[in-house]
Amino acid sequence: MWAGALGLAHIGVLRYFEEHRFPIDDMAGTSMGGLVGGLYSAGMDSRQIIDLVHQIDFEVVPTPLGAAGLILSLGESGKARFRMLIGSF
């Protein structure tokens, strides 16, 4: 995984706030924090966000290095799957 995935720790903070009934009046974030905050602000609770994250296939999500970084990070089985999706490279 890449550094942006570390931002998923924000979900744990939201879960703690829910469990301890801390009120959240405003929310702001950048990068992954902005994404997690946006999902929460749209009405998803921490459990729903975690469930959504578990559905992500991190082997095929683009990396900050773009397609080249993705290809390098996939390994042979991932490269074969990538070839199936986009053709030969």
PDB file of N, CA and C in Angstrom:
ATOM      1  N   MET A   1       0.835  -1.181   0.000  1.00  0.00           N
ATOM      2  CA  MET A   1       0.000   0.000   0.000  1.00  0.00           C
ATOM      3  C   MET A   1       0.875   1.239   0.000  1.00  0.00           C
ATOM      4  N   TRP A   2       0.269   2.340  -0.289  1.00  0.00           N
ATOM      5  CA  TRP A   2       1.003   3.591  -0.367  1.00  0.00           C
ATOM      6  C   TRP A   2       0.687   4.458   0.838  1.00  0.00           C
ATOM      7  N   ALA A   3       1.374   5.584   0.943  1.00  0.00           N
ATOM      8  CA  ALA A   3       1.259   6.440   2.125  1.00  0.00           C
ATOM      9  C   ALA A   3      -0.160   6.928   2.364  1.00  0.00           C
ATOM     10  N   GLY A   4      -0.937   7.170   1.309  1.00  0.00           N
ATOM     11  CA  GLY A   4      -2.312   7.642   1.480  1.00  0.00           C
ATOM     12  C   GLY A   4      -3.162   6.687   2.302  1.00  0.00           C
ATOM     13  N   ALA A   5      -2.835   5.408   2.232  1.00  0.00           N
ATOM     14  CA  ALA A   5      -3.597   4.426   3.003  1.00  0.00           C
ATOM     15  C   ALA A   5      -3.418   4.633   4.506  1.00  0.00           C
ATOM     16  N   LEU A   6      -2.329   5.260   4.909  1.00  0.00           N
ATOM     17  CA  LEU A   6      -2.152   5.561   6.326  1.00  0.00           C
ATOM     18  C   LEU A   6      -3.259   6.484   6.832  1.00  0.00           C
ATOM     19  N   GLY A   7      -3.804   7.270   5.920  1.00  0.00           N
ATOM     20  CA  GLY A   7      -4.898   8.161   6.282  1.00  0.00           C
ATOM     21  C   GLY A   7      -6.151   7.418   6.700  1.00  0.00           C
ATOM     22  N   LEU A   8      -6.219   6.130   6.418  1.00  0.00           N
ATOM     23  CA  LEU A   8      -7.369   5.350   6.848  1.00  0.00           C
ATOM     24  C   LEU A   8      -7.446   5.258   8.369  1.00  0.00           C
ATOM     25  N   ALA A   9      -6.377   5.625   9.058  1.00  0.00           N
ATOM     26  CA  ALA A   9      -6.404   5.669  10.525  1.00  0.00           C
ATOM     27  C   ALA A   9      -7.450   6.664  11.023  1.00  0.00           C
ATOM     28  N   HIS A  10      -7.840   7.598  10.168  1.00  0.00           N
ATOM     29  CA  HIS A  10      -8.874   8.556  10.550  1.00  0.00           C
ATOM     30  C   HIS A  10     -10.180   7.847  10.901  1.00  0.00           C
ATOM     31  N   ILE A  11     -10.418   6.700  10.272  1.00  0.00           N
ATOM     32  CA  ILE A  11     -11.639   5.943  10.550  1.00  0.00           C
ATOM     33  C   ILE A  11     -11.656   5.513  12.013  1.00  0.00           C
ATOM     34  N   GLY A  12     -10.498   5.114  12.527  1.00  0.00           N
ATOM     35  CA  GLY A  12     -10.405   4.715  13.933  1.00  0.00           C
ATOM     36  C   GLY A  12     -10.714   5.869  14.869  1.00  0.00           C
ATOM     37  N   VAL A  13     -10.293   7.063  14.497  1.00  0.00           N
ATOM     38  CA  VAL A  13     -10.598   8.243  15.310  1.00  0.00           C
ATOM     39  C   VAL A  13     -12.101   8.493  15.320  1.00  0.00           C
ATOM     40  N   LEU A  14     -12.723   8.408  14.143  1.00  0.00           N
ATOM     41  CA  LEU A  14     -14.175   8.585  14.077  1.00  0.00           C
ATOM     42  C   LEU A  14     -14.898   7.528  14.903  1.00  0.00           C
ATOM     43  N   ARG A  15     -14.417   6.299  14.839  1.00  0.00           N
ATOM     44  CA  ARG A  15     -15.027   5.221  15.629  1.00  0.00           C
ATOM     45  C   ARG A  15     -14.930   5.519  17.122  1.00  0.00           C
ATOM     46  N   TYR A  16     -13.760   5.993  17.555  1.00  0.00           N
ATOM     47  CA  TYR A  16     -13.579   6.360  18.965  1.00  0.00           C
ATOM     48  C   TYR A  16     -14.572   7.456  19.356  1.00  0.00           C
ATOM     49  N   PHE A  17     -14.706   8.458  18.500  1.00  0.00           N
ATOM     50  CA  PHE A  17     -15.654   9.544  18.779  1.00  0.00           C
ATOM     51  C   PHE A  17     -17.078   9.003  18.880  1.00  0.00           C
ATOM     52  N   GLU A  18     -17.448   8.082  17.995  1.00  0.00           N
ATOM     53  CA  GLU A  18     -18.789   7.496  18.045  1.00  0.00           C
ATOM     54  C   GLU A  18     -19.003   6.719  19.348  1.00  0.00           C
ATOM     55  N   GLU A  19     -18.033   5.885  19.686  1.00  0.00           N
ATOM     56  CA  GLU A  19     -18.158   5.047  20.880  1.00  0.00           C
ATOM     57  C   GLU A  19     -18.249   5.876  22.157  1.00  0.00           C
ATOM     58  N   HIS A  20     -17.587   7.020  22.177  1.00  0.00           N
ATOM     59  CA  HIS A  20     -17.573   7.873  23.369  1.00  0.00           C
ATOM     60  C   HIS A  20     -18.517   9.069  23.249  1.00  0.00           C
ATOM     61  N   ARG A  21     -19.323   9.034  22.217  1.00  0.00           N
ATOM     62  CA  ARG A  21     -20.373  10.027  21.967  1.00  0.00           C
ATOM     63  C   ARG A  21     -19.879  11.464  21.972  1.00  0.00           C
ATOM     64  N   PHE A  22     -18.703  11.655  21.347  1.00  0.00           N
ATOM     65  CA  PHE A  22     -18.210  13.018  21.138  1.00  0.00           C
ATOM     66  C   PHE A  22     -19.013  13.629  19.990  1.00  0.00           C
ATOM     67  N   PRO A  23     -19.598  14.786  20.209  1.00  0.00           N
ATOM     68  CA  PRO A  23     -20.329  15.414  19.101  1.00  0.00           C
ATOM     69  C   PRO A  23     -19.357  15.977  18.060  1.00  0.00           C
ATOM     70  N   ILE A  24     -19.709  15.838  16.801  1.00  0.00           N
ATOM     71  CA  ILE A  24     -18.907  16.402  15.715  1.00  0.00           C
ATOM     72  C   ILE A  24     -19.774  17.444  15.016  1.00  0.00           C
ATOM     73  N   ASP A  25     -19.383  18.693  15.149  1.00  0.00           N
ATOM     74  CA  ASP A  25     -20.143  19.786  14.550  1.00  0.00           C
ATOM     75  C   ASP A  25     -19.613  20.169  13.175  1.00  0.00           C
ATOM     76  N   ASP A  26     -18.308  20.121  13.005  1.00  0.00           N
ATOM     77  CA  ASP A  26     -17.670  20.491  11.749  1.00  0.00           C
ATOM     78  C   ASP A  26     -16.587  19.469  11.434  1.00  0.00           C
ATOM     79  N   MET A  27     -16.286  19.338  10.142  1.00  0.00           N
ATOM     80  CA  MET A  27     -15.236  18.411   9.750  1.00  0.00           C
ATOM     81  C   MET A  27     -14.506  18.980   8.546  1.00  0.00           C
ATOM     82  N   ALA A  28     -13.202  18.831   8.540  1.00  0.00           N
ATOM     83  CA  ALA A  28     -12.377  19.250   7.413  1.00  0.00           C
ATOM     84  C   ALA A  28     -11.207  18.285   7.308  1.00  0.00           C
ATOM     85  N   GLY A  29     -10.668  18.138   6.134  1.00  0.00           N
ATOM     86  CA  GLY A  29      -9.527  17.260   5.956  1.00  0.00           C
ATOM     87  C   GLY A  29      -8.918  17.444   4.584  1.00  0.00           C
ATOM     88  N   THR A  30      -7.731  16.906   4.424  1.00  0.00           N
ATOM     89  CA  THR A  30      -7.062  16.916   3.132  1.00  0.00           C
ATOM     90  C   THR A  30      -6.648  15.483   2.810  1.00  0.00           C
ATOM     91  N   SER A  31      -6.466  15.225   1.545  1.00  0.00           N
ATOM     92  CA  SER A  31      -6.016  13.922   1.080  1.00  0.00           C
ATOM     93  C   SER A  31      -6.970  12.837   1.587  1.00  0.00           C
ATOM     94  N   MET A  32      -6.449  11.768   2.157  1.00  0.00           N
ATOM     95  CA  MET A  32      -7.303  10.678   2.624  1.00  0.00           C
ATOM     96  C   MET A  32      -8.214  11.139   3.754  1.00  0.00           C
ATOM     97  N   GLY A  33      -7.748  12.052   4.579  1.00  0.00           N
ATOM     98  CA  GLY A  33      -8.591  12.590   5.650  1.00  0.00           C
ATOM     99  C   GLY A  33      -9.816  13.299   5.091  1.00  0.00           C
ATOM    100  N   GLY A  34      -9.630  13.982   3.955  1.00  0.00           N
ATOM    101  CA  GLY A  34     -10.755  14.643   3.296  1.00  0.00           C
ATOM    102  C   GLY A  34     -11.750  13.636   2.747  1.00  0.00           C
ATOM    103  N   LEU A  35     -11.240  12.534   2.201  1.00  0.00           N
ATOM    104  CA  LEU A  35     -12.112  11.490   1.668  1.00  0.00           C
ATOM    105  C   LEU A  35     -12.904  10.825   2.794  1.00  0.00           C
ATOM    106  N   VAL A  36     -12.218  10.429   3.854  1.00  0.00           N
ATOM    107  CA  VAL A  36     -12.890   9.797   4.993  1.00  0.00           C
ATOM    108  C   VAL A  36     -13.888  10.773   5.615  1.00  0.00           C
ATOM    109  N   GLY A  37     -13.471  12.021   5.793  1.00  0.00           N
ATOM    110  CA  GLY A  37     -14.374  13.031   6.351  1.00  0.00           C
ATOM    111  C   GLY A  37     -15.574  13.275   5.466  1.00  0.00           C
ATOM    112  N   GLY A  38     -15.372  13.252   4.154  1.00  0.00           N
ATOM    113  CA  GLY A  38     -16.482  13.428   3.224  1.00  0.00           C
ATOM    114  C   GLY A  38     -17.490  12.304   3.314  1.00  0.00           C
ATOM    115  N   LEU A  39     -17.007  11.070   3.405  1.00  0.00           N
ATOM    116  CA  LEU A  39     -17.912   9.923   3.548  1.00  0.00           C
ATOM    117  C   LEU A  39     -18.705  10.019   4.848  1.00  0.00           C
ATOM    118  N   TYR A  40     -18.017  10.405   5.923  1.00  0.00           N
ATOM    119  CA  TYR A  40     -18.672  10.541   7.224  1.00  0.00           C
ATOM    120  C   TYR A  40     -19.702  11.668   7.179  1.00  0.00           C
ATOM    121  N   SER A  41     -19.327  12.776   6.573  1.00  0.00           N
ATOM    122  CA  SER A  41     -20.236  13.919   6.476  1.00  0.00           C
ATOM    123  C   SER A  41     -21.438  13.613   5.595  1.00  0.00           C
ATOM    124  N   ALA A  42     -21.265  12.687   4.665  1.00  0.00           N
ATOM    125  CA  ALA A  42     -22.368  12.297   3.788  1.00  0.00           C
ATOM    126  C   ALA A  42     -23.333  11.333   4.466  1.00  0.00           C
ATOM    127  N   GLY A  43     -23.006  10.922   5.690  1.00  0.00           N
ATOM    128  CA  GLY A  43     -23.930  10.087   6.446  1.00  0.00           C
ATOM    129  C   GLY A  43     -23.462   8.681   6.755  1.00  0.00           C
ATOM    130  N   MET A  44     -22.281   8.299   6.268  1.00  0.00           N
ATOM    131  CA  MET A  44     -21.770   6.961   6.584  1.00  0.00           C
ATOM    132  C   MET A  44     -21.166   6.978   7.978  1.00  0.00           C
ATOM    133  N   ASP A  45     -21.393   5.909   8.751  1.00  0.00           N
ATOM    134  CA  ASP A  45     -20.717   5.818  10.040  1.00  0.00           C
ATOM    135  C   ASP A  45     -19.399   5.072   9.855  1.00  0.00           C
ATOM    136  N   SER A  46     -18.605   4.991  10.922  1.00  0.00           N
ATOM    137  CA  SER A  46     -17.267   4.392  10.796  1.00  0.00           C
ATOM    138  C   SER A  46     -17.333   2.941  10.329  1.00  0.00           C
ATOM    139  N   ARG A  47     -18.323   2.191  10.774  1.00  0.00           N
ATOM    140  CA  ARG A  47     -18.458   0.789  10.360  1.00  0.00           C
ATOM    141  C   ARG A  47     -18.707   0.693   8.856  1.00  0.00           C
ATOM    142  N   GLN A  48     -19.559   1.552   8.330  1.00  0.00           N
ATOM    143  CA  GLN A  48     -19.854   1.542   6.894  1.00  0.00           C
ATOM    144  C   GLN A  48     -18.616   1.922   6.081  1.00  0.00           C
ATOM    145  N   ILE A  49     -17.837   2.863   6.587  1.00  0.00           N
ATOM    146  CA  ILE A  49     -16.614   3.267   5.881  1.00  0.00           C
ATOM    147  C   ILE A  49     -15.604   2.126   5.888  1.00  0.00           C
ATOM    148  N   ILE A  50     -15.473   1.441   7.019  1.00  0.00           N
ATOM    149  CA  ILE A  50     -14.574   0.286   7.106  1.00  0.00           C
ATOM    150  C   ILE A  50     -15.020  -0.798   6.127  1.00  0.00           C
ATOM    151  N   ASP A  51     -16.316  -1.061   6.076  1.00  0.00           N
ATOM    152  CA  ASP A  51     -16.836  -2.064   5.134  1.00  0.00           C
ATOM    153  C   ASP A  51     -16.513  -1.678   3.697  1.00  0.00           C
ATOM    154  N   LEU A  52     -16.632  -0.401   3.374  1.00  0.00           N
ATOM    155  CA  LEU A  52     -16.304   0.085   2.037  1.00  0.00           C
ATOM    156  C   LEU A  52     -14.819  -0.129   1.732  1.00  0.00           C
ATOM    157  N   VAL A  53     -13.961   0.187   2.683  1.00  0.00           N
ATOM    158  CA  VAL A  53     -12.516   0.025   2.498  1.00  0.00           C
ATOM    159  C   VAL A  53     -12.157  -1.441   2.261  1.00  0.00           C
ATOM    160  N   HIS A  54     -12.847  -2.353   2.951  1.00  0.00           N
ATOM    161  CA  HIS A  54     -12.566  -3.779   2.778  1.00  0.00           C
ATOM    162  C   HIS A  54     -12.937  -4.275   1.387  1.00  0.00           C
ATOM    163  N   GLN A  55     -13.757  -3.535   0.655  1.00  0.00           N
ATOM    164  CA  GLN A  55     -14.141  -3.928  -0.698  1.00  0.00           C
ATOM    165  C   GLN A  55     -13.120  -3.481  -1.746  1.00  0.00           C
ATOM    166  N   ILE A  56     -12.168  -2.628  -1.365  1.00  0.00           N
ATOM    167  CA  ILE A  56     -11.198  -2.086  -2.306  1.00  0.00           C
ATOM    168  C   ILE A  56     -10.100  -3.119  -2.567  1.00  0.00           C
ATOM    169  N   ASP A  57      -9.803  -3.350  -3.820  1.00  0.00           N
ATOM    170  CA  ASP A  57      -8.695  -4.223  -4.195  1.00  0.00           C
ATOM    171  C   ASP A  57      -7.467  -3.324  -4.344  1.00  0.00           C
ATOM    172  N   PHE A  58      -6.676  -3.232  -3.294  1.00  0.00           N
ATOM    173  CA  PHE A  58      -5.542  -2.316  -3.292  1.00  0.00           C
ATOM    174  C   PHE A  58      -4.453  -2.707  -4.284  1.00  0.00           C
ATOM    175  N   GLU A  59      -4.552  -3.926  -4.834  1.00  0.00           N
ATOM    176  CA  GLU A  59      -3.572  -4.322  -5.845  1.00  0.00           C
ATOM    177  C   GLU A  59      -3.810  -3.625  -7.177  1.00  0.00           C
ATOM    178  N   VAL A  60      -5.021  -3.124  -7.411  1.00  0.00           N
ATOM    179  CA  VAL A  60      -5.303  -2.497  -8.692  1.00  0.00           C
ATOM    180  C   VAL A  60      -5.591  -1.003  -8.577  1.00  0.00           C
ATOM    181  N   VAL A  61      -5.518  -0.444  -7.380  1.00  0.00           N
ATOM    182  CA  VAL A  61      -5.705   0.991  -7.216  1.00  0.00           C
ATOM    183  C   VAL A  61      -4.410   1.686  -7.631  1.00  0.00           C
ATOM    184  N   PRO A  62      -4.483   2.709  -8.484  1.00  0.00           N
ATOM    185  CA  PRO A  62      -3.259   3.390  -8.932  1.00  0.00           C
ATOM    186  C   PRO A  62      -2.459   3.974  -7.767  1.00  0.00           C
ATOM    187  N   THR A  63      -1.157   3.955  -7.923  1.00  0.00           N
ATOM    188  CA  THR A  63      -0.261   4.502  -6.917  1.00  0.00           C
ATOM    189  C   THR A  63       0.123   5.925  -7.299  1.00  0.00           C
ATOM    190  N   PRO A  64       0.762   6.672  -6.390  1.00  0.00           N
ATOM    191  CA  PRO A  64       1.210   8.019  -6.745  1.00  0.00           C
ATOM    192  C   PRO A  64       2.185   8.042  -7.930  1.00  0.00           C
ATOM    193  N   LEU A  65       2.815   6.915  -8.205  1.00  0.00           N
ATOM    194  CA  LEU A  65       3.747   6.848  -9.324  1.00  0.00           C
ATOM    195  C   LEU A  65       3.035   6.624 -10.648  1.00  0.00           C
ATOM    196  N   GLY A  66       1.718   6.516 -10.617  1.00  0.00           N
ATOM    197  CA  GLY A  66       0.963   6.285 -11.834  1.00  0.00           C
ATOM    198  C   GLY A  66       1.053   4.837 -12.275  1.00  0.00           C
ATOM    199  N   ALA A  67       0.808   4.608 -13.549  1.00  0.00           N
ATOM    200  CA  ALA A  67       0.772   3.244 -14.077  1.00  0.00           C
ATOM    201  C   ALA A  67       2.105   2.529 -13.896  1.00  0.00           C
ATOM    202  N   ALA A  68       3.211   3.237 -14.055  1.00  0.00           N
ATOM    203  CA  ALA A  68       4.523   2.589 -13.897  1.00  0.00           C
ATOM    204  C   ALA A  68       4.696   2.063 -12.478  1.00  0.00           C
ATOM    205  N   GLY A  69       4.328   2.855 -11.495  1.00  0.00           N
ATOM    206  CA  GLY A  69       4.426   2.411 -10.103  1.00  0.00           C
ATOM    207  C   GLY A  69       3.480   1.265  -9.818  1.00  0.00           C
ATOM    208  N   LEU A  70       2.291   1.319 -10.417  1.00  0.00           N
ATOM    209  CA  LEU A  70       1.326   0.243 -10.238  1.00  0.00           C
ATOM    210  C   LEU A  70       1.875  -1.063 -10.785  1.00  0.00           C
ATOM    211  N   ILE A  71       2.415  -1.022 -11.980  1.00  0.00           N
ATOM    212  CA  ILE A  71       2.951  -2.232 -12.605  1.00  0.00           C
ATOM    213  C   ILE A  71       4.099  -2.797 -11.777  1.00  0.00           C
ATOM    214  N   LEU A  72       4.980  -1.936 -11.297  1.00  0.00           N
ATOM    215  CA  LEU A  72       6.111  -2.396 -10.491  1.00  0.00           C
ATOM    216  C   LEU A  72       5.678  -2.998  -9.169  1.00  0.00           C
ATOM    217  N   SER A  73       4.556  -2.517  -8.614  1.00  0.00           N
ATOM    218  CA  SER A  73       4.142  -2.966  -7.285  1.00  0.00           C
ATOM    219  C   SER A  73       3.244  -4.192  -7.310  1.00  0.00           C
ATOM    220  N   LEU A  74       2.828  -4.651  -8.481  1.00  0.00           N
ATOM    221  CA  LEU A  74       1.852  -5.723  -8.549  1.00  0.00           C
ATOM    222  C   LEU A  74       2.429  -7.123  -8.421  1.00  0.00           C
ATOM    223  N   GLY A  75       3.671  -7.324  -8.807  1.00  0.00           N
ATOM    224  CA  GLY A  75       4.198  -8.675  -8.859  1.00  0.00           C
ATOM    225  C   GLY A  75       3.686  -9.373 -10.112  1.00  0.00           C
ATOM    226  N   GLU A  76       4.118 -10.587 -10.343  1.00  0.00           N
ATOM    227  CA  GLU A  76       3.783 -11.281 -11.593  1.00  0.00           C
ATOM    228  C   GLU A  76       2.288 -11.563 -11.732  1.00  0.00           C
ATOM    229  N   SER A  77       1.624 -12.027 -10.673  1.00  0.00           N
ATOM    230  CA  SER A  77       0.191 -12.329 -10.804  1.00  0.00           C
ATOM    231  C   SER A  77      -0.600 -11.050 -11.035  1.00  0.00           C
ATOM    232  N   GLY A  78      -0.206  -9.986 -10.396  1.00  0.00           N
ATOM    233  CA  GLY A  78      -0.878  -8.707 -10.601  1.00  0.00           C
ATOM    234  C   GLY A  78      -0.648  -8.166 -11.993  1.00  0.00           C
ATOM    235  N   LYS A  79       0.578  -8.352 -12.501  1.00  0.00           N
ATOM    236  CA  LYS A  79       0.871  -7.907 -13.873  1.00  0.00           C
ATOM    237  C   LYS A  79       0.004  -8.660 -14.882  1.00  0.00           C
ATOM    238  N   ALA A  80      -0.190  -9.953 -14.659  1.00  0.00           N
ATOM    239  CA  ALA A  80      -1.025 -10.743 -15.566  1.00  0.00           C
ATOM    240  C   ALA A  80      -2.466 -10.226 -15.535  1.00  0.00           C
ATOM    241  N   ARG A  81      -2.963  -9.917 -14.354  1.00  0.00           N
ATOM    242  CA  ARG A  81      -4.324  -9.388 -14.237  1.00  0.00           C
ATOM    243  C   ARG A  81      -4.414  -8.014 -14.906  1.00  0.00           C
ATOM    244  N   PHE A  82      -3.369  -7.203 -14.737  1.00  0.00           N
ATOM    245  CA  PHE A  82      -3.319  -5.873 -15.350  1.00  0.00           C
ATOM    246  C   PHE A  82      -3.352  -5.994 -16.871  1.00  0.00           C
ATOM    247  N   ARG A  83      -2.600  -6.962 -17.418  1.00  0.00           N
ATOM    248  CA  ARG A  83      -2.601  -7.202 -18.866  1.00  0.00           C
ATOM    249  C   ARG A  83      -3.996  -7.561 -19.365  1.00  0.00           C
ATOM    250  N   MET A  84      -4.730  -8.371 -18.559  1.00  0.00           N
ATOM    251  CA  MET A  84      -6.080  -8.738 -18.944  1.00  0.00           C
ATOM    252  C   MET A  84      -6.985  -7.514 -19.018  1.00  0.00           C
ATOM    253  N   LEU A  85      -6.764  -6.566 -18.115  1.00  0.00           N
ATOM    254  CA  LEU A  85      -7.619  -5.372 -18.065  1.00  0.00           C
ATOM    255  C   LEU A  85      -7.327  -4.399 -19.189  1.00  0.00           C
ATOM    256  N   ILE A  86      -6.042  -4.185 -19.505  1.00  0.00           N
ATOM    257  CA  ILE A  86      -5.719  -3.143 -20.468  1.00  0.00           C
ATOM    258  C   ILE A  86      -5.001  -3.645 -21.710  1.00  0.00           C
ATOM    259  N   GLY A  87      -4.717  -4.924 -21.766  1.00  0.00           N
ATOM    260  CA  GLY A  87      -3.985  -5.445 -22.908  1.00  0.00           C
ATOM    261  C   GLY A  87      -2.502  -5.494 -22.622  1.00  0.00           C
ATOM    262  N   SER A  88      -1.734  -5.866 -23.593  1.00  0.00           N
ATOM    263  CA  SER A  88      -0.294  -6.001 -23.430  1.00  0.00           C
ATOM    264  C   SER A  88       0.370  -4.656 -23.229  1.00  0.00           C
ATOM    265  N   PHE A  89       1.450  -4.629 -22.470  1.00  0.00           N
ATOM    266  CA  PHE A  89       2.224  -3.397 -22.288  1.00  0.00           C
ATOM    267  C   PHE A  89       3.701  -3.682 -22.391  1.00  0.00           C
TER     268      PHE A  89
END
